Amino acid sequence: MRGLTVLQPWATLIAIGAKRIETRSWPTSYRGPVLIHAGKSREYLHVAVFAGWAGPLWGRFPKPEQLPLGAVVAVADLVDCVQMTEAYIAKVPMDERRFGYYLPGRYAWHLANVRALDKPVPAQGQRGLWRPSQELLKAVESRVQVAT
């Protein structure tokens, strides 16, 4: 199991099943379960409102001030990592593309079997893929909901 810190609102977009590809500047060979950790930064909280995401996701997407920070919000399976090309990007649905930074040479981390937590679990995130403590894993395990 690994942890991946993702800024809000993107961490919640993953948790509700709206974002299935996390875009990164670096690749990973890791495949398996990852904790989706919402970082503490408030810098991008209102981007959902300005980008018009809240409308199509109404009822599933919280108000910016309600987004959890500094907590694990979901567990997902990291199933693939693809270096992006123009051809790859062209095949990604627009609904997905609006939630990431798609540029040739960057990497698309494919997530599957996303399980939201019924209540966020406070945790300290890190850069890169990180190893969660046993205490954190135990706390997350008790909060995992049925797959979305």
C-alpha atoms as a PDB file:
ATOM      1  CA  MET A   1       0.000   0.000   0.000  1.00  0.00           C
ATOM      2  CA  ARG A   2       1.190   3.500  -0.808  1.00  0.00           C
ATOM      3  CA  GLY A   3      -0.123   6.996  -0.206  1.00  0.00           C
ATOM      4  CA  LEU A   4      -0.475   9.732  -2.810  1.00  0.00           C
ATOM      5  CA  THR A   5      -1.072  13.329  -1.797  1.00  0.00           C
ATOM      6  CA  VAL A   6      -3.356  15.160  -4.221  1.00  0.00           C
ATOM      7  CA  LEU A   7      -4.435  18.782  -3.843  1.00  0.00           C
ATOM      8  CA  GLN A   8      -8.075  19.693  -3.424  1.00  0.00           C
ATOM      9  CA  PRO A   9     -10.423  19.777  -5.286  1.00  0.00           C
ATOM     10  CA  TRP A  10      -8.794  16.960  -7.301  1.00  0.00           C
ATOM     11  CA  ALA A  11      -8.601  14.557  -4.328  1.00  0.00           C
ATOM     12  CA  THR A  12     -12.373  14.781  -3.889  1.00  0.00           C
ATOM     13  CA  LEU A  13     -12.914  14.405  -7.638  1.00  0.00           C
ATOM     14  CA  ILE A  14     -11.063  11.081  -7.376  1.00  0.00           C
ATOM     15  CA  ALA A  15     -13.043  10.069  -4.274  1.00  0.00           C
ATOM     16  CA  ILE A  16     -16.424  10.636  -5.962  1.00  0.00           C
ATOM     17  CA  GLY A  17     -15.339   8.759  -9.091  1.00  0.00           C
ATOM     18  CA  ALA A  18     -15.290  11.780 -11.418  1.00  0.00           C
ATOM     19  CA  LYS A  19     -11.498  11.713 -11.953  1.00  0.00           C
ATOM     20  CA  ARG A  20      -9.965   8.368 -12.937  1.00  0.00           C
ATOM     21  CA  ILE A  21      -6.596   9.600 -14.202  1.00  0.00           C
ATOM     22  CA  GLU A  22      -4.098  11.479 -12.043  1.00  0.00           C
ATOM     23  CA  THR A  23      -1.565  13.406 -14.127  1.00  0.00           C
ATOM     24  CA  ARG A  24       2.016  13.715 -12.925  1.00  0.00           C
ATOM     25  CA  SER A  25       5.379  14.907 -14.238  1.00  0.00           C
ATOM     26  CA  TRP A  26       7.039  11.647 -13.195  1.00  0.00           C
ATOM     27  CA  PRO A  27       6.359   7.946 -13.853  1.00  0.00           C
ATOM     28  CA  THR A  28       5.888   5.104 -11.412  1.00  0.00           C
ATOM     29  CA  SER A  29       6.316   1.361 -11.766  1.00  0.00           C
ATOM     30  CA  TYR A  30       4.172   0.785  -8.659  1.00  0.00           C
ATOM     31  CA  ARG A  31       0.852  -0.994  -9.217  1.00  0.00           C
ATOM     32  CA  GLY A  32      -1.542  -1.650  -6.396  1.00  0.00           C
ATOM     33  CA  PRO A  33      -3.656   0.091  -3.771  1.00  0.00           C
ATOM     34  CA  VAL A  34      -3.037   3.759  -2.961  1.00  0.00           C
ATOM     35  CA  LEU A  35      -4.474   6.003  -0.290  1.00  0.00           C
ATOM     36  CA  ILE A  36      -5.764   9.222  -1.845  1.00  0.00           C
ATOM     37  CA  HIS A  37      -4.648  11.912   0.590  1.00  0.00           C
ATOM     38  CA  ALA A  38      -6.017  15.456   0.290  1.00  0.00           C
ATOM     39  CA  GLY A  39      -3.174  17.905   0.828  1.00  0.00           C
ATOM     40  CA  LYS A  40      -3.437  20.819   3.254  1.00  0.00           C
ATOM     41  CA  SER A  41      -3.160  23.584   0.647  1.00  0.00           C
ATOM     42  CA  ARG A  42      -6.179  25.857   0.198  1.00  0.00           C
ATOM     43  CA  GLU A  43      -4.683  27.418  -2.946  1.00  0.00           C
ATOM     44  CA  TYR A  44      -6.995  25.732  -5.457  1.00  0.00           C
ATOM     45  CA  LEU A  45     -10.165  25.208  -3.398  1.00  0.00           C
ATOM     46  CA  HIS A  46     -12.324  27.516  -5.514  1.00  0.00           C
ATOM     47  CA  VAL A  47     -11.092  26.275  -8.902  1.00  0.00           C
ATOM     48  CA  ALA A  48     -14.094  23.927  -9.107  1.00  0.00           C
ATOM     49  CA  VAL A  49     -16.516  26.834  -8.959  1.00  0.00           C
ATOM     50  CA  PHE A  50     -14.652  28.908 -11.546  1.00  0.00           C
ATOM     51  CA  ALA A  51     -14.106  25.975 -13.897  1.00  0.00           C
ATOM     52  CA  GLY A  52     -17.789  25.047 -13.792  1.00  0.00           C
ATOM     53  CA  TRP A  53     -17.193  21.624 -12.268  1.00  0.00           C
ATOM     54  CA  ALA A  54     -19.657  22.096  -9.457  1.00  0.00           C
ATOM     55  CA  GLY A  55     -22.662  22.351 -11.809  1.00  0.00           C
ATOM     56  CA  PRO A  56     -22.324  18.963 -13.560  1.00  0.00           C
ATOM     57  CA  LEU A  57     -21.364  17.320 -10.274  1.00  0.00           C
ATOM     58  CA  TRP A  58     -24.064  19.026  -8.227  1.00  0.00           C
ATOM     59  CA  GLY A  59     -25.050  16.939  -5.245  1.00  0.00           C
ATOM     60  CA  ARG A  60     -21.836  14.903  -5.343  1.00  0.00           C
ATOM     61  CA  PHE A  61     -19.322  17.724  -4.993  1.00  0.00           C
ATOM     62  CA  PRO A  62     -19.087  19.664  -1.712  1.00  0.00           C
ATOM     63  CA  LYS A  63     -18.735  23.419  -1.450  1.00  0.00           C
ATOM     64  CA  PRO A  64     -15.056  24.462  -1.539  1.00  0.00           C
ATOM     65  CA  GLU A  65     -14.998  25.352   2.149  1.00  0.00           C
ATOM     66  CA  GLN A  66     -16.275  21.843   2.999  1.00  0.00           C
ATOM     67  CA  LEU A  67     -13.494  19.966   1.191  1.00  0.00           C
ATOM     68  CA  PRO A  68     -11.351  17.993   3.646  1.00  0.00           C
ATOM     69  CA  LEU A  69      -7.703  19.010   3.941  1.00  0.00           C
ATOM     70  CA  GLY A  70      -4.830  17.001   5.395  1.00  0.00           C
ATOM     71  CA  ALA A  71      -6.759  13.725   5.325  1.00  0.00           C
ATOM     72  CA  VAL A  72      -7.149  10.464   3.429  1.00  0.00           C
ATOM     73  CA  VAL A  73     -10.410  10.614   1.452  1.00  0.00           C
ATOM     74  CA  ALA A  74     -10.321   7.411  -0.624  1.00  0.00           C
ATOM     75  CA  VAL A  75      -8.474   4.256  -1.575  1.00  0.00           C
ATOM     76  CA  ALA A  76      -7.923   3.392  -5.242  1.00  0.00           C
ATOM     77  CA  ASP A  77      -6.011   0.836  -7.255  1.00  0.00           C
ATOM     78  CA  LEU A  78      -3.200   2.253  -9.387  1.00  0.00           C
ATOM     79  CA  VAL A  79      -3.461   0.009 -12.444  1.00  0.00           C
ATOM     80  CA  ASP A  80      -1.328   1.713 -15.103  1.00  0.00           C
ATOM     81  CA  CYS A  81       1.051   4.577 -15.801  1.00  0.00           C
ATOM     82  CA  VAL A  82       1.270   5.849 -19.376  1.00  0.00           C
ATOM     83  CA  GLN A  83       3.600   8.471 -20.814  1.00  0.00           C
ATOM     84  CA  MET A  84       1.339  10.871 -22.676  1.00  0.00           C
ATOM     85  CA  THR A  85       1.561  11.519 -26.398  1.00  0.00           C
ATOM     86  CA  GLU A  86      -0.651  13.691 -28.583  1.00  0.00           C
ATOM     87  CA  ALA A  87      -2.438  10.518 -29.746  1.00  0.00           C
ATOM     88  CA  TYR A  88      -2.999   9.328 -26.169  1.00  0.00           C
ATOM     89  CA  ILE A  89      -4.332  12.718 -25.060  1.00  0.00           C
ATOM     90  CA  ALA A  90      -6.742  12.857 -28.010  1.00  0.00           C
ATOM     91  CA  LYS A  91      -8.342   9.599 -26.800  1.00  0.00           C
ATOM     92  CA  VAL A  92      -8.922  10.810 -23.227  1.00  0.00           C
ATOM     93  CA  PRO A  93     -12.566  11.930 -22.834  1.00  0.00           C
ATOM     94  CA  MET A  94     -13.060  15.665 -22.337  1.00  0.00           C
ATOM     95  CA  ASP A  95     -14.872  14.994 -19.037  1.00  0.00           C
ATOM     96  CA  GLU A  96     -11.617  13.476 -17.760  1.00  0.00           C
ATOM     97  CA  ARG A  97      -9.253  15.970 -19.428  1.00  0.00           C
ATOM     98  CA  ARG A  98     -10.731  18.947 -17.616  1.00  0.00           C
ATOM     99  CA  PHE A  99      -9.519  17.456 -14.322  1.00  0.00           C
ATOM    100  CA  GLY A 100      -5.829  17.053 -15.218  1.00  0.00           C
ATOM    101  CA  TYR A 101      -2.761  18.608 -16.803  1.00  0.00           C
ATOM    102  CA  TYR A 102      -2.455  16.781 -20.107  1.00  0.00           C
ATOM    103  CA  LEU A 103       0.717  17.481 -22.052  1.00  0.00           C
ATOM    104  CA  PRO A 104       2.970  15.178 -24.113  1.00  0.00           C
ATOM    105  CA  GLY A 105       5.793  13.822 -21.989  1.00  0.00           C
ATOM    106  CA  ARG A 106       3.792  13.904 -18.743  1.00  0.00           C
ATOM    107  CA  TYR A 107       2.346  10.741 -17.173  1.00  0.00           C
ATOM    108  CA  ALA A 108      -1.215   9.497 -16.778  1.00  0.00           C
ATOM    109  CA  TRP A 109      -1.709   7.380 -13.665  1.00  0.00           C
ATOM    110  CA  HIS A 110      -4.807   5.241 -14.193  1.00  0.00           C
ATOM    111  CA  LEU A 111      -6.925   4.633 -11.097  1.00  0.00           C
ATOM    112  CA  ALA A 112      -9.615   1.959 -10.729  1.00  0.00           C
ATOM    113  CA  ASN A 113     -11.851   0.516  -8.026  1.00  0.00           C
ATOM    114  CA  VAL A 114     -12.064   3.818  -6.137  1.00  0.00           C
ATOM    115  CA  ARG A 115     -13.468   3.438  -2.630  1.00  0.00           C
ATOM    116  CA  ALA A 116     -14.394   6.644  -0.837  1.00  0.00           C
ATOM    117  CA  LEU A 117     -14.075   6.822   2.928  1.00  0.00           C
ATOM    118  CA  ASP A 118     -17.297   7.498   4.824  1.00  0.00           C
ATOM    119  CA  LYS A 119     -15.328  10.039   6.881  1.00  0.00           C
ATOM    120  CA  PRO A 120     -11.877  11.479   6.029  1.00  0.00           C
ATOM    121  CA  VAL A 121      -9.002  10.207   8.165  1.00  0.00           C
ATOM    122  CA  PRO A 122      -6.567  12.967   9.236  1.00  0.00           C
ATOM    123  CA  ALA A 123      -3.026  12.235   8.081  1.00  0.00           C
ATOM    124  CA  GLN A 124       0.257  13.894   7.214  1.00  0.00           C
ATOM    125  CA  GLY A 125       0.978  13.636   3.492  1.00  0.00           C
ATOM    126  CA  GLN A 126       4.295  13.566   1.690  1.00  0.00           C
ATOM    127  CA  ARG A 127       5.707  14.160  -1.754  1.00  0.00           C
ATOM    128  CA  GLY A 128       5.833  11.243  -4.165  1.00  0.00           C
ATOM    129  CA  LEU A 129       4.413   7.834  -3.342  1.00  0.00           C
ATOM    130  CA  TRP A 130       4.790   7.325   0.387  1.00  0.00           C
ATOM    131  CA  ARG A 131       4.416   4.457   2.844  1.00  0.00           C
ATOM    132  CA  PRO A 132       1.533   4.910   5.287  1.00  0.00           C
ATOM    133  CA  SER A 133       1.908   3.844   8.913  1.00  0.00           C
ATOM    134  CA  GLN A 134       0.128   0.753  10.221  1.00  0.00           C
ATOM    135  CA  GLU A 135      -2.041   2.993  12.419  1.00  0.00           C
ATOM    136  CA  LEU A 136      -3.164   4.992   9.395  1.00  0.00           C
ATOM    137  CA  LEU A 137      -3.908   1.841   7.399  1.00  0.00           C
ATOM    138  CA  LYS A 138      -6.017   0.485  10.248  1.00  0.00           C
ATOM    139  CA  ALA A 139      -7.964   3.760  10.549  1.00  0.00           C
ATOM    140  CA  VAL A 140      -8.569   3.911   6.790  1.00  0.00           C
ATOM    141  CA  GLU A 141      -9.666   0.270   6.615  1.00  0.00           C
ATOM    142  CA  SER A 142     -12.498   0.963   9.054  1.00  0.00           C
ATOM    143  CA  ARG A 143     -13.782   3.851   6.880  1.00  0.00           C
ATOM    144  CA  VAL A 144     -13.732   2.365   3.363  1.00  0.00           C
ATOM    145  CA  GLN A 145     -17.094   2.329   1.584  1.00  0.00           C
ATOM    146  CA  VAL A 146     -18.259  -0.032  -1.155  1.00  0.00           C
ATOM    147  CA  ALA A 147     -16.548   0.533  -4.530  1.00  0.00           C
ATOM    148  CA  THR A 148     -17.981   3.307  -6.715  1.00  0.00           C
END
